[in-house]
Amino acid sequence: MSDEMVDEAIDVAHRKFEPRKLPTVLTAEELIDKAFRRASKVVGRNKKERAINKLSTLSNVFKDYFDRIISAHPSYNNLPDFYRELVDILVGIGNLRKSLGALSWADTTIQKVINKGIREIKGGKNPDIVLKSTYGRIASIVEQIGDSLEFLNSAKQKMREIPTLSDEPTVVVAGYPNVGKSSLVSAISTVQPEVASYPFTTKKIFVGKGKIDGVTFQIIDTPGLLDRPIQKRNKIERKAILSLKYLANCIVFVIDPTETCGFEVEKQQSLLEEIKREFRVPIIAVYSKADLHDFRDKPAYSAYTKEGIEEVLKIIRSTLTGLN
C-alpha cells in the first residue's frame, strides 16, 4: 500500500489529538478468537446459507474492527509540530504508518478471501470444506500482522502520557528544581492543574489554565526538562526541549534568590541566559519566595502569601496580547 493510501485511510485532520482515547488493540490470537466466536453463533436455514452467513459475519467483524483502529489515529504527518515531534520521538511516525498500513492490507486481503469463499459456496462447492479453508487463510493473514497489532498497542500505552493541549496561548514555566515553579502554576491556574508523566523523564508536568482580564492561556510546568544546562542532556531530552519551541508563546523563568532550592543565583542566571539563546519567544524572569527576601529588581511573588501573583499575571497578559 502506498504512503498516500495509508494517509487517506487514517486522515482525520483538524481533529484535536487525544492519544489517551486511542483504542486498545487486540493481539492476533485475541482478534481471531473474537471473530470466529462471533461467527460460530450464526445460524441459517441450511448448511449453505449458514456458511455464507458465517463468512458475512466475519467480513463485518474484521472490517469494523480494522476501521475503528485505523480511523482512531490521526494523520500523523499533519499533526501540529509539537505533537508530531513528540510522537516521532516516542514511537516513530514511520513505524506507526507501517503498522497501520499492515492493518489496512489485512482488511483488504481478508475481504478478498471471504468474497472468494462466498462465491465458491454459491457456485456449489462443499460449504464445510470452503469454510475450513477460508478460516485457515484468515487466521494466517491475521497472524502475519501480529507484530503490527502488538506495536500499535504498545504505542498507545506510550502516547497516552502526551498531554492533550488546547489552542490557547501557552506559557511554559522554567527554572531549576525547587525554585517554586509548580507552586506558581497552581497559584495562577483557574482550575486544578492536570498532572501527567512527561514522555521523556520519570518526572511529572503540570498543565493548568490561567485567565486575567478576559485573556485565557494554558500554563505548563516542566520539571526535568528546562532545569539544567541543555548541553548536559541526552539526545532524546534535547529533542524534547526542541519540541517545546513549537509550543511556548512565552516562558516564565523562576529564580529563587534565597538559594534554598540548593542552586546559586549565578547558576540560575546562567540557565536563564541559555534558555534565552535556545528559545525565540518572550521570556519573563521572576523571583519566587517573595516572603523570604527583599529583592525587587525583578517581579517577585510568593505562592504562600500571594504577594506579586497579580503582577505576574498582568505581565503574562501584557506579553501574550503583545504577540497579536
Protein backbone atom coordinates (compact mmCIF):
# COMPACT_ATOMS: atom_id res chain seq x y z
CA MET A 1 0.00 0.00 0.00
CA SER A 2 1.36 3.46 -0.91
CA ASP A 3 2.01 6.17 1.70
CA GLU A 4 -0.74 8.24 0.09
CA MET A 5 -3.29 5.44 0.55
CA VAL A 6 -2.31 5.00 4.20
CA ASP A 7 -2.64 8.75 4.78
CA GLU A 8 -6.08 8.72 3.18
CA ALA A 9 -7.17 5.78 5.30
CA ILE A 10 -6.19 7.41 8.60
CA ASP A 11 -6.73 11.06 7.74
CA VAL A 12 -8.79 12.80 10.40
CA ALA A 13 -7.02 16.11 10.10
CA HIS A 14 -8.08 19.17 12.08
CA ARG A 15 -9.26 16.99 14.97
CA LYS A 16 -7.70 17.55 18.37
CA PHE A 17 -5.09 14.90 19.10
CA GLU A 18 -6.24 12.92 22.13
CA PRO A 19 -3.82 9.99 22.49
CA ARG A 20 -5.48 8.79 25.70
CA LYS A 21 -8.58 7.94 23.69
CA LEU A 22 -6.79 5.63 21.26
CA PRO A 23 -8.41 2.17 21.48
CA THR A 24 -6.71 -0.86 22.96
CA VAL A 25 -5.52 -3.16 20.17
CA LEU A 26 -6.12 -6.91 20.41
CA THR A 27 -3.37 -9.42 19.81
CA ALA A 28 -3.62 -11.60 16.71
CA GLU A 29 -4.84 -14.52 18.82
CA GLU A 30 -7.46 -12.39 20.57
CA LEU A 31 -8.71 -10.92 17.29
CA ILE A 32 -9.03 -14.34 15.64
CA ASP A 33 -10.86 -15.69 18.67
CA LYS A 34 -13.23 -12.72 18.77
CA ALA A 35 -14.15 -13.01 15.08
CA PHE A 36 -14.52 -16.79 14.97
CA ARG A 37 -16.54 -16.82 18.19
CA ARG A 38 -18.94 -14.29 16.68
CA ALA A 39 -19.27 -16.37 13.52
CA SER A 40 -19.91 -19.54 15.50
CA LYS A 41 -23.20 -18.09 16.75
CA VAL A 42 -24.59 -17.52 13.26
CA VAL A 43 -27.44 -19.69 12.01
CA GLY A 44 -29.15 -20.34 8.67
CA ARG A 45 -31.96 -22.37 7.12
CA ASN A 46 -29.49 -24.85 5.67
CA LYS A 47 -25.77 -25.62 5.56
CA LYS A 48 -25.12 -23.41 2.54
CA GLU A 49 -26.94 -20.40 3.94
CA ARG A 50 -25.34 -20.85 7.34
CA ALA A 51 -21.84 -20.95 5.82
CA ILE A 52 -22.48 -17.80 3.79
CA ASN A 53 -23.86 -16.04 6.86
CA LYS A 54 -20.77 -17.00 8.87
CA LEU A 55 -18.46 -15.56 6.23
CA SER A 56 -20.55 -12.40 6.00
CA THR A 57 -20.31 -12.02 9.76
CA LEU A 58 -16.53 -12.45 9.65
CA SER A 59 -16.39 -9.80 6.92
CA ASN A 60 -18.27 -7.32 9.10
CA VAL A 61 -16.32 -8.09 12.26
CA PHE A 62 -12.91 -7.60 10.66
CA LYS A 63 -13.93 -4.56 8.62
CA ASP A 64 -15.50 -2.83 11.63
CA TYR A 65 -12.54 -3.65 13.84
CA PHE A 66 -9.83 -2.51 11.44
CA ASP A 67 -11.78 0.62 10.52
CA ARG A 68 -12.14 1.51 14.21
CA ILE A 69 -8.44 1.12 14.93
CA ILE A 70 -7.21 2.89 11.80
CA SER A 71 -9.68 5.80 11.97
CA ALA A 72 -8.82 6.42 15.64
CA HIS A 73 -5.35 7.52 14.58
CA PRO A 74 -4.82 10.97 13.08
CA SER A 75 -2.74 11.64 10.01
CA TYR A 76 0.48 11.98 11.97
CA ASN A 77 2.29 14.00 9.32
CA ASN A 78 -0.49 16.59 9.57
CA LEU A 79 -0.30 16.97 13.35
CA PRO A 80 0.87 20.27 14.86
CA ASP A 81 4.65 20.36 15.10
CA PHE A 82 4.67 19.82 18.88
CA TYR A 83 2.68 16.60 18.76
CA ARG A 84 4.39 15.32 15.63
CA GLU A 85 7.81 15.77 17.26
CA LEU A 86 6.74 14.00 20.47
CA VAL A 87 5.12 11.09 18.65
CA ASP A 88 8.13 10.62 16.41
CA ILE A 89 10.49 10.57 19.40
CA LEU A 90 8.31 8.21 21.41
CA VAL A 91 7.34 5.57 18.87
CA GLY A 92 8.38 6.70 15.41
CA ILE A 93 5.87 8.03 12.88
CA GLY A 94 7.29 5.72 10.24
CA ASN A 95 6.63 2.72 12.47
CA LEU A 96 3.05 3.88 13.07
CA ARG A 97 2.41 4.34 9.36
CA LYS A 98 3.86 0.91 8.59
CA SER A 99 1.72 -0.82 11.25
CA LEU A 100 -1.47 0.98 10.27
CA GLY A 101 -0.73 0.11 6.66
CA ALA A 102 -0.39 -3.55 7.66
CA LEU A 103 -3.89 -3.45 9.19
CA SER A 104 -5.28 -1.85 6.04
CA TRP A 105 -3.62 -4.56 3.94
CA ALA A 106 -5.04 -7.29 6.19
CA ASP A 107 -8.54 -5.85 5.93
CA THR A 108 -8.40 -5.71 2.14
CA THR A 109 -6.91 -9.20 1.86
CA ILE A 110 -9.38 -10.77 4.28
CA GLN A 111 -12.31 -9.26 2.39
CA LYS A 112 -11.00 -10.75 -0.85
CA VAL A 113 -10.61 -14.18 0.76
CA ILE A 114 -14.12 -14.04 2.21
CA ASN A 115 -15.69 -12.88 -1.07
CA LYS A 116 -13.95 -15.74 -2.87
CA GLY A 117 -15.29 -18.21 -0.29
CA ILE A 118 -18.83 -16.91 -0.69
CA ARG A 119 -18.60 -17.21 -4.47
CA GLU A 120 -17.35 -20.78 -4.18
CA ILE A 121 -20.21 -21.77 -1.86
CA LYS A 122 -22.77 -20.15 -4.14
CA GLY A 123 -21.11 -21.97 -7.03
CA GLY A 124 -21.82 -25.32 -5.45
CA LYS A 125 -18.65 -26.22 -3.56
CA ASN A 126 -18.95 -28.05 -0.25
CA PRO A 127 -19.66 -25.37 2.41
CA ASP A 128 -17.72 -27.22 5.13
CA ILE A 129 -14.58 -27.50 3.01
CA VAL A 130 -14.79 -23.88 1.90
CA LEU A 131 -15.33 -22.68 5.48
CA LYS A 132 -12.35 -24.64 6.78
CA SER A 133 -10.10 -23.33 4.01
CA THR A 134 -11.30 -19.75 4.39
CA TYR A 135 -10.94 -19.78 8.18
CA GLY A 136 -7.39 -21.06 7.80
CA ARG A 137 -6.42 -18.34 5.33
CA ILE A 138 -7.99 -15.63 7.51
CA ALA A 139 -6.11 -16.86 10.59
CA SER A 140 -2.87 -16.87 8.60
CA ILE A 141 -3.40 -13.27 7.44
CA VAL A 142 -4.12 -12.03 10.97
CA GLU A 143 -1.07 -13.85 12.32
CA GLN A 144 1.06 -12.08 9.71
CA ILE A 145 0.16 -8.71 11.23
CA GLY A 146 0.66 -9.90 14.80
CA ASP A 147 3.73 -7.72 15.31
CA SER A 148 1.91 -4.67 13.96
CA LEU A 149 -1.01 -5.23 16.33
CA GLU A 150 1.33 -5.54 19.30
CA PHE A 151 3.28 -2.46 18.23
CA LEU A 152 0.13 -0.34 17.94
CA ASN A 153 -0.99 -1.35 21.40
CA SER A 154 2.44 -0.60 22.84
CA ALA A 155 2.46 2.75 21.04
CA LYS A 156 -0.93 3.59 22.53
CA GLN A 157 0.43 2.98 26.04
CA LYS A 158 3.42 5.24 25.40
CA MET A 159 1.46 8.03 23.73
CA ARG A 160 -1.19 8.19 26.43
CA GLU A 161 1.29 10.19 28.52
CA ILE A 162 1.32 13.00 25.96
CA PRO A 163 -0.85 15.80 27.36
CA THR A 164 -3.82 16.99 25.34
CA LEU A 165 -3.37 20.71 24.91
CA SER A 166 -5.72 23.41 23.72
CA ASP A 167 -5.15 26.04 21.03
CA GLU A 168 -4.89 28.78 23.64
CA PRO A 169 -1.62 30.70 24.11
CA THR A 170 0.89 28.65 26.10
CA VAL A 171 3.10 29.80 28.95
CA VAL A 172 5.97 27.46 29.78
CA VAL A 173 7.46 27.72 33.27
CA ALA A 174 11.19 27.01 33.55
CA GLY A 175 13.88 27.07 36.21
CA TYR A 176 15.92 24.83 38.47
CA PRO A 177 14.19 22.26 40.75
CA ASN A 178 12.54 23.51 43.94
CA VAL A 179 12.57 27.18 42.94
CA GLY A 180 8.76 27.38 43.07
CA LYS A 181 7.62 26.56 39.55
CA SER A 182 4.80 24.17 40.47
CA SER A 183 3.53 26.49 43.18
CA LEU A 184 3.35 29.31 40.64
CA VAL A 185 1.36 27.13 38.22
CA SER A 186 -1.07 26.24 41.00
CA ALA A 187 -1.33 29.84 42.20
CA ILE A 188 -2.29 31.32 38.83
CA SER A 189 -4.35 28.43 37.48
CA THR A 190 -8.11 28.87 37.41
CA VAL A 191 -8.58 25.10 37.56
CA GLN A 192 -6.65 22.38 39.36
CA PRO A 193 -3.62 21.65 37.19
CA GLU A 194 -3.60 18.30 35.42
CA VAL A 195 -0.64 16.16 36.40
CA ALA A 196 0.85 13.83 33.78
CA SER A 197 4.07 11.99 33.12
CA TYR A 198 6.24 13.64 30.52
CA PRO A 199 7.25 11.07 27.89
CA PHE A 200 10.97 11.76 28.27
CA THR A 201 11.51 11.80 32.04
CA THR A 202 10.31 9.98 35.12
CA LYS A 203 9.00 13.27 36.47
CA LYS A 204 5.65 14.97 36.01
CA ILE A 205 4.35 18.01 34.22
CA PHE A 206 1.53 20.25 35.37
CA VAL A 207 -0.89 21.71 32.84
CA GLY A 208 -3.14 24.44 34.18
CA LYS A 209 -5.44 27.14 32.81
CA GLY A 210 -4.95 30.81 33.61
CA LYS A 211 -7.15 33.82 32.99
CA ILE A 212 -6.82 37.55 33.56
CA ASP A 213 -8.94 40.40 32.19
CA GLY A 214 -10.52 38.18 29.55
CA VAL A 215 -7.27 36.63 28.33
CA THR A 216 -7.07 32.86 28.86
CA PHE A 217 -3.95 30.75 28.48
CA GLN A 218 -2.57 27.34 29.38
CA ILE A 219 0.44 27.18 31.64
CA ILE A 220 2.86 24.25 31.77
CA ASP A 221 5.39 23.41 34.45
CA THR A 222 8.23 21.38 33.01
CA PRO A 223 10.34 19.79 35.77
CA GLY A 224 13.04 17.57 34.37
CA LEU A 225 13.16 19.44 31.05
CA LEU A 226 14.32 23.02 31.48
CA ASP A 227 16.02 22.65 34.84
CA ARG A 228 19.66 22.12 33.85
CA PRO A 229 22.05 23.11 31.04
CA ILE A 230 20.92 21.81 27.66
CA GLN A 231 24.38 20.57 26.71
CA LYS A 232 24.18 18.07 29.58
CA ARG A 233 21.11 16.41 28.08
CA ASN A 234 20.97 13.19 26.14
CA LYS A 235 19.72 13.15 22.56
CA ILE A 236 16.10 12.35 23.41
CA GLU A 237 15.92 15.05 26.10
CA ARG A 238 17.29 17.61 23.69
CA LYS A 239 14.61 16.70 21.17
CA ALA A 240 12.02 17.08 23.91
CA ILE A 241 13.25 20.58 24.62
CA LEU A 242 13.20 21.38 20.92
CA SER A 243 9.58 20.27 20.77
CA LEU A 244 8.72 22.89 23.39
CA LYS A 245 9.86 25.52 20.92
CA TYR A 246 6.76 24.74 18.88
CA LEU A 247 4.53 25.15 21.90
CA ALA A 248 5.73 28.08 24.01
CA ASN A 249 4.33 31.53 23.29
CA CYS A 250 6.28 32.85 26.24
CA ILE A 251 8.41 31.46 29.07
CA VAL A 252 8.30 32.42 32.73
CA PHE A 253 11.71 31.71 34.23
CA VAL A 254 11.63 31.39 38.00
CA ILE A 255 14.66 32.37 40.09
CA ASP A 256 14.98 31.61 43.80
CA PRO A 257 17.21 34.38 45.19
CA THR A 258 17.20 32.76 48.65
CA GLU A 259 19.09 29.78 47.15
CA THR A 260 17.08 27.48 49.45
CA CYS A 261 16.46 25.43 46.33
CA GLY A 262 20.11 24.34 46.52
CA PHE A 263 21.34 26.29 43.48
CA GLU A 264 23.31 29.52 43.48
CA VAL A 265 21.74 32.53 41.79
CA GLU A 266 24.69 32.62 39.36
CA LYS A 267 23.84 29.12 38.13
CA GLN A 268 20.18 30.01 37.83
CA GLN A 269 21.06 33.15 35.88
CA SER A 270 23.35 31.11 33.60
CA LEU A 271 20.50 28.71 32.79
CA LEU A 272 18.24 31.69 32.07
CA GLU A 273 20.77 33.04 29.55
CA GLU A 274 21.00 29.62 27.86
CA ILE A 275 17.23 29.38 27.52
CA LYS A 276 17.19 32.88 26.02
CA ARG A 277 19.61 31.64 23.36
CA GLU A 278 17.59 28.48 22.65
CA PHE A 279 14.08 29.96 22.56
CA ARG A 280 12.96 32.81 20.33
CA VAL A 281 9.96 33.78 22.45
CA PRO A 282 9.46 36.42 25.15
CA ILE A 283 10.98 35.36 28.46
CA ILE A 284 9.75 36.77 31.77
CA ALA A 285 12.23 36.40 34.66
CA VAL A 286 10.65 36.49 38.11
CA TYR A 287 11.70 35.90 41.70
CA SER A 288 9.90 33.31 43.82
CA LYS A 289 9.56 33.14 47.63
CA ALA A 290 8.99 36.90 47.94
CA ASP A 291 8.05 36.46 51.57
CA LEU A 292 11.63 35.36 52.34
CA HIS A 293 13.67 38.14 50.70
CA ASP A 294 13.68 41.81 49.69
CA PHE A 295 14.93 41.52 46.10
CA ARG A 296 12.67 43.53 43.83
CA ASP A 297 14.78 44.30 40.74
CA LYS A 298 12.58 41.70 39.03
CA PRO A 299 8.90 40.94 39.60
CA ALA A 300 8.64 38.87 42.78
CA TYR A 301 5.87 36.63 44.01
CA SER A 302 5.05 34.41 46.93
CA ALA A 303 2.80 31.42 46.46
CA TYR A 304 2.45 31.36 50.25
CA THR A 305 1.28 34.97 50.86
CA LYS A 306 0.04 35.57 47.27
CA GLU A 307 2.18 38.71 47.08
CA GLY A 308 3.03 39.56 43.48
CA ILE A 309 0.81 36.91 41.90
CA GLU A 310 -1.48 39.52 40.33
CA GLU A 311 1.53 41.43 38.99
CA VAL A 312 2.95 38.28 37.36
CA LEU A 313 -0.45 37.60 35.79
CA LYS A 314 -0.62 41.13 34.38
CA ILE A 315 2.87 40.79 32.88
CA ILE A 316 1.86 37.48 31.28
CA ARG A 317 -1.29 39.09 29.89
CA SER A 318 0.64 42.05 28.50
CA THR A 319 3.21 39.73 26.92
CA LEU A 320 0.61 37.47 25.29
CA THR A 321 -1.56 40.31 23.99
CA GLY A 322 1.58 41.97 22.59
CA LEU A 323 2.12 38.90 20.39
CA ASN A 324 -1.09 39.51 18.41
